[in-house]
Every structure is written in C-alpha cells, then in structure tokens.
Amino acid sequence: MYIQYSYTILYVSDVLGTLEFYKKAFGFEQKFLTPENDYGEIRSGSTTISFANFKLGNSNFQKGFTESKLSEKPFGVELAFTTSEVEKVMKNAIASGAVLLEETVTKPWGQKVGYLRDLNGFIFEICTPIQYQELKFYGQECVYAIAF
C-alpha cells in the first residue's frame, strides 16, 4: 500500500487575509482559491499549506473543533520553514504581522531556530536545515545530524 503526506489544512477566520500574510511574510505563491474565498492553498516549495474558513471546517466536523486564536495559548503543533537566513526571514515575518514567540537560538546540535505565531495564532518555526551524515563504526551504520 502506498500513502503519502500531501498537505496541511489550517482552519482560520479569514482565508484571503491569511493567504496574503503568508505571501507577504515568506514570499510563498498562491496555488488555489475557491470563488467563495472559503478555501485556499499556498505553495511552499513542494509542500502545500491549505487554509479553510471556520464555517467550512464546522461543516466537515459534526462536533466542531477548537479555533486557534492569537489571544489564547497556542496549540502544541507547529509548521517549520527552513532557510539559511533565519533572522532575515523572522524580521520580515514580524514586519508582515507575525508575533514573536521565542527569539532565535542555536540548538546543541547546531541548528538555528526561532518561533513565531501567525495572525491566527498558529506556531511556526523558522530554522536552518538539519544536515545528516552517516558514519560506520565497526561495520554498523550510525546516522547523526549536523545543522548548518
């Protein structure tokens, strides 16, 4: 059986405003928008991030769902965007309306990361890619990560 992770849908109050935020903050391009403006997609490299409005979300889930709000504690989920220019991307995102959650730090494995919240309250991480290297010890393979 073949299965592949395809996209993420975030439920938001304003699909069009959210698309505009992600285009301005990160330079992503709009991939799709329904005529009703209740569902849209952006392209981030080979990954699609989708946004549906609360009304559409509630039509999908009979028992409803918890809406993400910037004024409340964030969900324990994040979107991660990799770049070699973490500080520059974070600065542009904040200028575009993102809210700083955690300043940029360098993790013990060398990866630089910073955390922001978008206008809907979702967490996103701006980070350098992790570089993986394989080593062989006595014929056994070992994979470890080095971030640049």
N, C-alpha and C. Protein backbone atom coordinates (compact mmCIF):
# COMPACT_ATOMS: atom_id res chain seq x y z
N MET A 1 0.84 -1.17 0.00
CA MET A 1 0.00 0.00 0.00
C MET A 1 0.90 1.24 0.00
N TYR A 2 0.58 2.22 -0.83
CA TYR A 2 1.33 3.47 -0.91
C TYR A 2 0.51 4.59 -0.29
N ILE A 3 1.13 5.36 0.58
CA ILE A 3 0.47 6.52 1.16
C ILE A 3 1.50 7.62 1.29
N GLN A 4 1.08 8.85 1.09
CA GLN A 4 1.99 9.99 1.14
C GLN A 4 1.32 11.16 1.84
N TYR A 5 2.06 11.83 2.69
CA TYR A 5 1.57 13.06 3.32
C TYR A 5 1.45 14.10 2.23
N SER A 6 0.31 14.72 2.10
CA SER A 6 0.04 15.60 0.96
C SER A 6 -0.03 17.07 1.31
N TYR A 7 -0.77 17.43 2.36
CA TYR A 7 -0.91 18.84 2.72
C TYR A 7 -1.47 18.96 4.12
N THR A 8 -1.40 20.17 4.64
CA THR A 8 -1.95 20.51 5.94
C THR A 8 -3.04 21.55 5.72
N ILE A 9 -4.15 21.41 6.42
CA ILE A 9 -5.21 22.42 6.37
C ILE A 9 -5.29 23.07 7.74
N LEU A 10 -5.19 24.40 7.75
CA LEU A 10 -5.37 25.17 8.98
C LEU A 10 -6.70 25.90 8.87
N TYR A 11 -7.52 25.81 9.90
CA TYR A 11 -8.83 26.47 9.90
C TYR A 11 -8.66 27.87 10.47
N VAL A 12 -9.12 28.87 9.71
CA VAL A 12 -8.89 30.27 10.02
C VAL A 12 -10.17 31.08 9.84
N SER A 13 -10.20 32.27 10.41
CA SER A 13 -11.38 33.12 10.24
C SER A 13 -11.40 33.80 8.87
N ASP A 14 -10.22 34.13 8.32
CA ASP A 14 -10.13 34.88 7.08
C ASP A 14 -9.12 34.23 6.14
N VAL A 15 -9.61 33.44 5.21
CA VAL A 15 -8.73 32.71 4.28
C VAL A 15 -7.92 33.68 3.42
N LEU A 16 -8.59 34.65 2.82
CA LEU A 16 -7.91 35.59 1.93
C LEU A 16 -6.83 36.39 2.68
N GLY A 17 -7.14 36.88 3.87
CA GLY A 17 -6.16 37.61 4.67
C GLY A 17 -4.98 36.74 5.07
N THR A 18 -5.24 35.48 5.36
CA THR A 18 -4.18 34.54 5.73
C THR A 18 -3.27 34.26 4.54
N LEU A 19 -3.87 34.05 3.37
CA LEU A 19 -3.06 33.85 2.16
C LEU A 19 -2.15 35.05 1.92
N GLU A 20 -2.70 36.24 2.06
CA GLU A 20 -1.93 37.47 1.85
C GLU A 20 -0.79 37.56 2.85
N PHE A 21 -1.04 37.20 4.11
CA PHE A 21 0.00 37.21 5.12
C PHE A 21 1.16 36.29 4.72
N TYR A 22 0.87 35.05 4.37
CA TYR A 22 1.93 34.08 4.03
C TYR A 22 2.67 34.48 2.75
N LYS A 23 1.99 35.10 1.82
CA LYS A 23 2.66 35.59 0.60
C LYS A 23 3.61 36.73 0.95
N LYS A 24 3.15 37.66 1.76
CA LYS A 24 3.96 38.83 2.13
C LYS A 24 5.10 38.44 3.08
N ALA A 25 4.80 37.63 4.09
CA ALA A 25 5.79 37.28 5.10
C ALA A 25 6.90 36.38 4.57
N PHE A 26 6.55 35.47 3.66
CA PHE A 26 7.52 34.46 3.22
C PHE A 26 7.75 34.40 1.71
N GLY A 27 6.96 35.16 0.95
CA GLY A 27 7.13 35.12 -0.50
C GLY A 27 6.53 33.88 -1.15
N PHE A 28 5.67 33.16 -0.42
CA PHE A 28 5.03 31.97 -0.99
C PHE A 28 4.04 32.41 -2.06
N GLU A 29 3.78 31.53 -3.01
CA GLU A 29 2.81 31.86 -4.05
C GLU A 29 1.48 31.16 -3.81
N GLN A 30 0.43 31.84 -4.19
CA GLN A 30 -0.91 31.27 -4.07
C GLN A 30 -1.08 30.20 -5.13
N LYS A 31 -1.56 29.04 -4.71
CA LYS A 31 -1.76 27.92 -5.62
C LYS A 31 -3.22 27.81 -6.04
N PHE A 32 -4.14 28.11 -5.10
CA PHE A 32 -5.56 27.90 -5.38
C PHE A 32 -6.40 28.73 -4.41
N LEU A 33 -7.56 29.20 -4.87
CA LEU A 33 -8.52 29.88 -4.01
C LEU A 33 -9.91 29.63 -4.60
N THR A 34 -10.85 29.17 -3.76
CA THR A 34 -12.21 28.95 -4.25
C THR A 34 -12.88 30.29 -4.55
N PRO A 35 -13.87 30.30 -5.43
CA PRO A 35 -14.60 31.55 -5.71
C PRO A 35 -15.26 32.13 -4.47
N GLU A 36 -15.59 31.29 -3.49
CA GLU A 36 -16.24 31.74 -2.25
C GLU A 36 -15.22 32.27 -1.23
N ASN A 37 -13.94 32.15 -1.53
CA ASN A 37 -12.85 32.55 -0.62
C ASN A 37 -12.90 31.80 0.71
N ASP A 38 -13.45 30.58 0.69
CA ASP A 38 -13.53 29.81 1.94
C ASP A 38 -12.45 28.73 2.05
N TYR A 39 -11.67 28.56 0.99
CA TYR A 39 -10.57 27.59 0.99
C TYR A 39 -9.51 28.07 0.02
N GLY A 40 -8.25 28.05 0.48
CA GLY A 40 -7.16 28.44 -0.39
C GLY A 40 -5.90 27.68 -0.05
N GLU A 41 -4.96 27.69 -0.99
CA GLU A 41 -3.70 26.98 -0.81
C GLU A 41 -2.54 27.88 -1.22
N ILE A 42 -1.41 27.69 -0.52
CA ILE A 42 -0.16 28.31 -0.93
C ILE A 42 0.85 27.21 -1.20
N ARG A 43 1.81 27.52 -2.02
CA ARG A 43 2.87 26.58 -2.36
C ARG A 43 4.14 27.06 -1.68
N SER A 44 4.71 26.19 -0.87
CA SER A 44 5.98 26.45 -0.20
C SER A 44 6.94 25.38 -0.66
N GLY A 45 7.65 25.65 -1.76
CA GLY A 45 8.48 24.61 -2.35
C GLY A 45 7.57 23.51 -2.85
N SER A 46 7.82 22.29 -2.45
CA SER A 46 6.99 21.17 -2.89
C SER A 46 5.84 20.88 -1.93
N THR A 47 5.72 21.67 -0.88
CA THR A 47 4.69 21.46 0.14
C THR A 47 3.54 22.44 -0.04
N THR A 48 2.32 21.93 0.10
CA THR A 48 1.13 22.77 0.04
C THR A 48 0.62 23.00 1.46
N ILE A 49 0.34 24.26 1.78
CA ILE A 49 -0.30 24.61 3.04
C ILE A 49 -1.67 25.17 2.66
N SER A 50 -2.72 24.61 3.25
CA SER A 50 -4.08 24.99 2.92
C SER A 50 -4.74 25.70 4.08
N PHE A 51 -5.71 26.55 3.75
CA PHE A 51 -6.47 27.29 4.75
C PHE A 51 -7.94 27.19 4.40
N ALA A 52 -8.75 26.84 5.37
CA ALA A 52 -10.20 26.78 5.20
C ALA A 52 -10.83 27.62 6.29
N ASN A 53 -11.94 28.27 5.97
CA ASN A 53 -12.56 29.12 7.00
C ASN A 53 -13.32 28.26 8.02
N PHE A 54 -13.64 28.89 9.15
CA PHE A 54 -14.29 28.17 10.24
C PHE A 54 -15.61 27.54 9.80
N LYS A 55 -16.36 28.24 8.98
CA LYS A 55 -17.65 27.71 8.53
C LYS A 55 -17.46 26.40 7.76
N LEU A 56 -16.50 26.38 6.86
CA LEU A 56 -16.21 25.16 6.11
C LEU A 56 -15.73 24.05 7.05
N GLY A 57 -14.88 24.42 8.00
CA GLY A 57 -14.40 23.45 8.98
C GLY A 57 -15.53 22.85 9.78
N ASN A 58 -16.45 23.70 10.23
CA ASN A 58 -17.58 23.20 11.01
C ASN A 58 -18.51 22.32 10.18
N SER A 59 -18.55 22.54 8.87
CA SER A 59 -19.37 21.68 8.02
C SER A 59 -18.74 20.29 7.87
N ASN A 60 -17.43 20.20 8.09
CA ASN A 60 -16.72 18.92 8.00
C ASN A 60 -16.77 18.11 9.29
N PHE A 61 -16.90 18.80 10.42
CA PHE A 61 -16.82 18.14 11.72
C PHE A 61 -18.09 18.38 12.50
N GLN A 62 -18.92 17.36 12.60
CA GLN A 62 -20.22 17.48 13.24
C GLN A 62 -20.15 17.97 14.68
N LYS A 63 -19.09 17.61 15.40
CA LYS A 63 -18.96 18.00 16.80
C LYS A 63 -18.13 19.28 16.97
N GLY A 64 -17.75 19.92 15.85
CA GLY A 64 -16.99 21.16 15.92
C GLY A 64 -15.52 20.92 16.22
N PHE A 65 -14.80 21.99 16.46
CA PHE A 65 -13.38 21.92 16.75
C PHE A 65 -12.98 23.19 17.50
N THR A 66 -11.79 23.18 18.08
CA THR A 66 -11.29 24.35 18.79
C THR A 66 -10.61 25.28 17.79
N GLU A 67 -11.04 26.52 17.76
CA GLU A 67 -10.46 27.50 16.85
C GLU A 67 -9.17 28.05 17.44
N SER A 68 -8.15 28.19 16.59
CA SER A 68 -6.90 28.81 17.01
C SER A 68 -7.10 30.32 17.06
N LYS A 69 -6.62 30.92 18.14
CA LYS A 69 -6.73 32.37 18.31
C LYS A 69 -5.42 32.91 18.85
N LEU A 70 -4.98 34.00 18.30
CA LEU A 70 -3.73 34.63 18.74
C LEU A 70 -3.81 35.05 20.19
N SER A 71 -5.00 35.36 20.67
CA SER A 71 -5.18 35.83 22.05
C SER A 71 -5.14 34.69 23.08
N GLU A 72 -5.07 33.45 22.61
CA GLU A 72 -5.05 32.30 23.52
C GLU A 72 -3.75 31.53 23.38
N LYS A 73 -3.51 30.62 24.31
CA LYS A 73 -2.32 29.77 24.29
C LYS A 73 -2.32 28.96 22.99
N PRO A 74 -1.16 28.83 22.33
CA PRO A 74 -1.15 28.12 21.04
C PRO A 74 -1.31 26.61 21.21
N PHE A 75 -1.76 25.99 20.12
CA PHE A 75 -1.82 24.52 20.06
C PHE A 75 -0.41 23.95 20.11
N GLY A 76 -0.27 22.71 20.50
CA GLY A 76 1.02 22.04 20.54
C GLY A 76 1.39 21.46 19.19
N VAL A 77 1.30 22.28 18.15
CA VAL A 77 1.64 21.87 16.77
C VAL A 77 2.35 23.05 16.14
N GLU A 78 3.33 22.79 15.30
CA GLU A 78 4.00 23.88 14.60
C GLU A 78 4.28 23.52 13.16
N LEU A 79 4.38 24.54 12.34
CA LEU A 79 4.84 24.39 10.96
C LEU A 79 6.29 24.86 10.96
N ALA A 80 7.17 24.15 10.29
CA ALA A 80 8.58 24.53 10.26
C ALA A 80 9.00 24.89 8.84
N PHE A 81 9.64 26.05 8.71
CA PHE A 81 10.15 26.53 7.42
C PHE A 81 11.66 26.64 7.53
N THR A 82 12.39 26.00 6.62
CA THR A 82 13.84 26.04 6.67
C THR A 82 14.39 27.11 5.74
N THR A 83 15.47 27.73 6.18
CA THR A 83 16.16 28.77 5.44
C THR A 83 17.57 28.91 5.97
N SER A 84 18.46 29.44 5.17
CA SER A 84 19.80 29.75 5.66
C SER A 84 19.84 31.14 6.29
N GLU A 85 18.74 31.91 6.16
CA GLU A 85 18.69 33.28 6.66
C GLU A 85 17.58 33.44 7.71
N VAL A 86 17.71 32.75 8.82
CA VAL A 86 16.69 32.70 9.86
C VAL A 86 16.30 34.10 10.35
N GLU A 87 17.29 34.91 10.74
CA GLU A 87 16.99 36.24 11.29
C GLU A 87 16.27 37.12 10.27
N LYS A 88 16.71 37.08 9.03
CA LYS A 88 16.10 37.91 7.98
C LYS A 88 14.64 37.50 7.75
N VAL A 89 14.37 36.21 7.69
CA VAL A 89 13.01 35.72 7.48
C VAL A 89 12.13 36.08 8.68
N MET A 90 12.67 35.92 9.88
CA MET A 90 11.88 36.26 11.07
C MET A 90 11.55 37.75 11.09
N LYS A 91 12.52 38.58 10.77
CA LYS A 91 12.30 40.03 10.76
C LYS A 91 11.21 40.41 9.75
N ASN A 92 11.26 39.82 8.55
CA ASN A 92 10.26 40.11 7.53
C ASN A 92 8.88 39.62 7.96
N ALA A 93 8.82 38.44 8.56
CA ALA A 93 7.53 37.90 9.01
C ALA A 93 6.92 38.80 10.10
N ILE A 94 7.74 39.27 11.02
CA ILE A 94 7.24 40.15 12.08
C ILE A 94 6.75 41.46 11.48
N ALA A 95 7.49 42.00 10.51
CA ALA A 95 7.06 43.23 9.83
C ALA A 95 5.76 43.02 9.07
N SER A 96 5.45 41.76 8.71
CA SER A 96 4.23 41.42 7.98
C SER A 96 3.07 41.07 8.89
N GLY A 97 3.30 41.08 10.21
CA GLY A 97 2.21 40.82 11.14
C GLY A 97 2.38 39.62 12.05
N ALA A 98 3.47 38.86 11.89
CA ALA A 98 3.72 37.73 12.79
C ALA A 98 4.07 38.25 14.17
N VAL A 99 3.87 37.41 15.18
CA VAL A 99 4.17 37.77 16.56
C VAL A 99 5.31 36.86 17.04
N LEU A 100 6.33 37.48 17.61
CA LEU A 100 7.47 36.73 18.13
C LEU A 100 7.02 35.87 19.30
N LEU A 101 7.33 34.59 19.24
CA LEU A 101 7.03 33.66 20.33
C LEU A 101 8.30 33.37 21.12
N GLU A 102 9.37 33.04 20.40
CA GLU A 102 10.67 32.77 21.03
C GLU A 102 11.78 33.29 20.12
N GLU A 103 12.73 34.00 20.72
CA GLU A 103 13.88 34.53 19.98
C GLU A 103 14.68 33.39 19.34
N THR A 104 15.46 33.72 18.35
CA THR A 104 16.33 32.75 17.67
C THR A 104 17.41 32.26 18.63
N VAL A 105 17.59 30.95 18.66
CA VAL A 105 18.65 30.31 19.45
C VAL A 105 19.33 29.26 18.59
N THR A 106 20.51 28.84 19.01
CA THR A 106 21.19 27.74 18.35
C THR A 106 21.08 26.52 19.25
N LYS A 107 20.50 25.46 18.71
CA LYS A 107 20.31 24.22 19.47
C LYS A 107 21.65 23.51 19.66
N PRO A 108 21.75 22.59 20.62
CA PRO A 108 23.01 21.88 20.87
C PRO A 108 23.57 21.15 19.64
N TRP A 109 22.71 20.75 18.71
CA TRP A 109 23.16 20.04 17.51
C TRP A 109 23.51 21.02 16.39
N GLY A 110 23.49 22.33 16.68
CA GLY A 110 23.94 23.33 15.72
C GLY A 110 22.86 24.00 14.89
N GLN A 111 21.63 23.55 15.00
CA GLN A 111 20.54 24.13 14.21
C GLN A 111 20.08 25.44 14.84
N LYS A 112 19.91 26.46 14.00
CA LYS A 112 19.41 27.76 14.45
C LYS A 112 17.90 27.76 14.27
N VAL A 113 17.16 28.13 15.35
CA VAL A 113 15.69 28.12 15.29
C VAL A 113 15.11 29.35 16.01
N GLY A 114 13.98 29.82 15.50
CA GLY A 114 13.20 30.87 16.13
C GLY A 114 11.73 30.52 15.95
N TYR A 115 10.88 31.02 16.84
CA TYR A 115 9.46 30.67 16.80
C TYR A 115 8.60 31.92 16.73
N LEU A 116 7.59 31.88 15.87
CA LEU A 116 6.65 32.97 15.67
C LEU A 116 5.23 32.42 15.71
N ARG A 117 4.25 33.34 15.80
CA ARG A 117 2.85 32.95 15.63
C ARG A 117 2.29 33.78 14.49
N ASP A 118 1.47 33.15 13.66
CA ASP A 118 0.86 33.89 12.56
C ASP A 118 -0.36 34.66 13.08
N LEU A 119 -1.05 35.37 12.20
CA LEU A 119 -2.18 36.20 12.62
C LEU A 119 -3.34 35.39 13.17
N ASN A 120 -3.35 34.07 12.97
CA ASN A 120 -4.38 33.19 13.51
C ASN A 120 -3.96 32.52 14.81
N GLY A 121 -2.71 32.71 15.21
CA GLY A 121 -2.21 32.12 16.44
C GLY A 121 -1.46 30.82 16.26
N PHE A 122 -1.32 30.34 15.02
CA PHE A 122 -0.57 29.10 14.78
C PHE A 122 0.92 29.34 14.96
N ILE A 123 1.62 28.36 15.52
CA ILE A 123 3.07 28.44 15.72
C ILE A 123 3.77 28.05 14.43
N PHE A 124 4.78 28.82 14.07
CA PHE A 124 5.67 28.36 13.02
C PHE A 124 7.11 28.61 13.42
N GLU A 125 7.94 27.66 13.04
CA GLU A 125 9.37 27.68 13.35
C GLU A 125 10.12 28.10 12.10
N ILE A 126 11.06 29.00 12.26
CA ILE A 126 11.97 29.36 11.18
C ILE A 126 13.32 28.79 11.59
N CYS A 127 13.89 27.94 10.75
CA CYS A 127 15.10 27.24 11.17
C CYS A 127 16.01 26.92 10.00
N THR A 128 17.26 26.66 10.34
CA THR A 128 18.19 26.16 9.33
C THR A 128 17.91 24.68 9.13
N PRO A 129 18.21 24.16 7.94
CA PRO A 129 18.01 22.71 7.72
C PRO A 129 18.97 21.89 8.59
N ILE A 130 18.56 20.70 8.92
CA ILE A 130 19.45 19.77 9.61
C ILE A 130 20.16 18.96 8.54
N GLN A 131 21.47 18.87 8.66
CA GLN A 131 22.27 18.08 7.72
C GLN A 131 22.58 16.74 8.39
N TYR A 132 22.29 15.67 7.70
CA TYR A 132 22.52 14.34 8.25
C TYR A 132 23.75 13.72 7.62
N GLN A 133 24.51 13.00 8.43
CA GLN A 133 25.69 12.31 7.95
C GLN A 133 25.65 10.89 8.47
N GLU A 134 26.10 9.98 7.63
CA GLU A 134 26.17 8.59 8.06
C GLU A 134 27.61 8.24 8.39
N LEU A 135 27.79 7.54 9.49
CA LEU A 135 29.10 7.05 9.89
C LEU A 135 29.03 5.54 10.02
N LYS A 136 30.15 4.89 9.86
CA LYS A 136 30.19 3.45 10.09
C LYS A 136 31.17 3.16 11.22
N PHE A 137 30.67 2.46 12.23
CA PHE A 137 31.50 2.05 13.35
C PHE A 137 31.51 0.53 13.38
N TYR A 138 32.64 -0.04 13.15
CA TYR A 138 32.80 -1.49 13.19
C TYR A 138 31.75 -2.19 12.34
N GLY A 139 31.51 -1.63 11.14
CA GLY A 139 30.57 -2.23 10.21
C GLY A 139 29.11 -1.85 10.45
N GLN A 140 28.83 -1.13 11.53
CA GLN A 140 27.45 -0.71 11.85
C GLN A 140 27.25 0.73 11.38
N GLU A 141 26.10 0.99 10.76
CA GLU A 141 25.80 2.34 10.33
C GLU A 141 25.18 3.13 11.47
N CYS A 142 25.53 4.37 11.57
CA CYS A 142 25.02 5.27 12.58
C CYS A 142 24.70 6.60 11.89
N VAL A 143 23.52 7.11 12.09
CA VAL A 143 23.15 8.38 11.48
C VAL A 143 23.09 9.44 12.58
N TYR A 144 23.71 10.58 12.32
CA TYR A 144 23.60 11.67 13.26
C TYR A 144 23.38 12.96 12.48
N ALA A 145 22.96 13.98 13.16
CA ALA A 145 22.61 15.23 12.50
C ALA A 145 23.61 16.32 12.83
N ILE A 146 23.89 17.12 11.82
CA ILE A 146 24.68 18.33 11.98
C ILE A 146 23.90 19.43 11.28
N ALA A 147 23.63 20.52 11.95
CA ALA A 147 22.91 21.63 11.33
C ALA A 147 23.91 22.71 10.91
N PHE A 148 23.62 23.32 9.78
CA PHE A 148 24.45 24.42 9.27
C PHE A 148 23.63 25.66 9.15
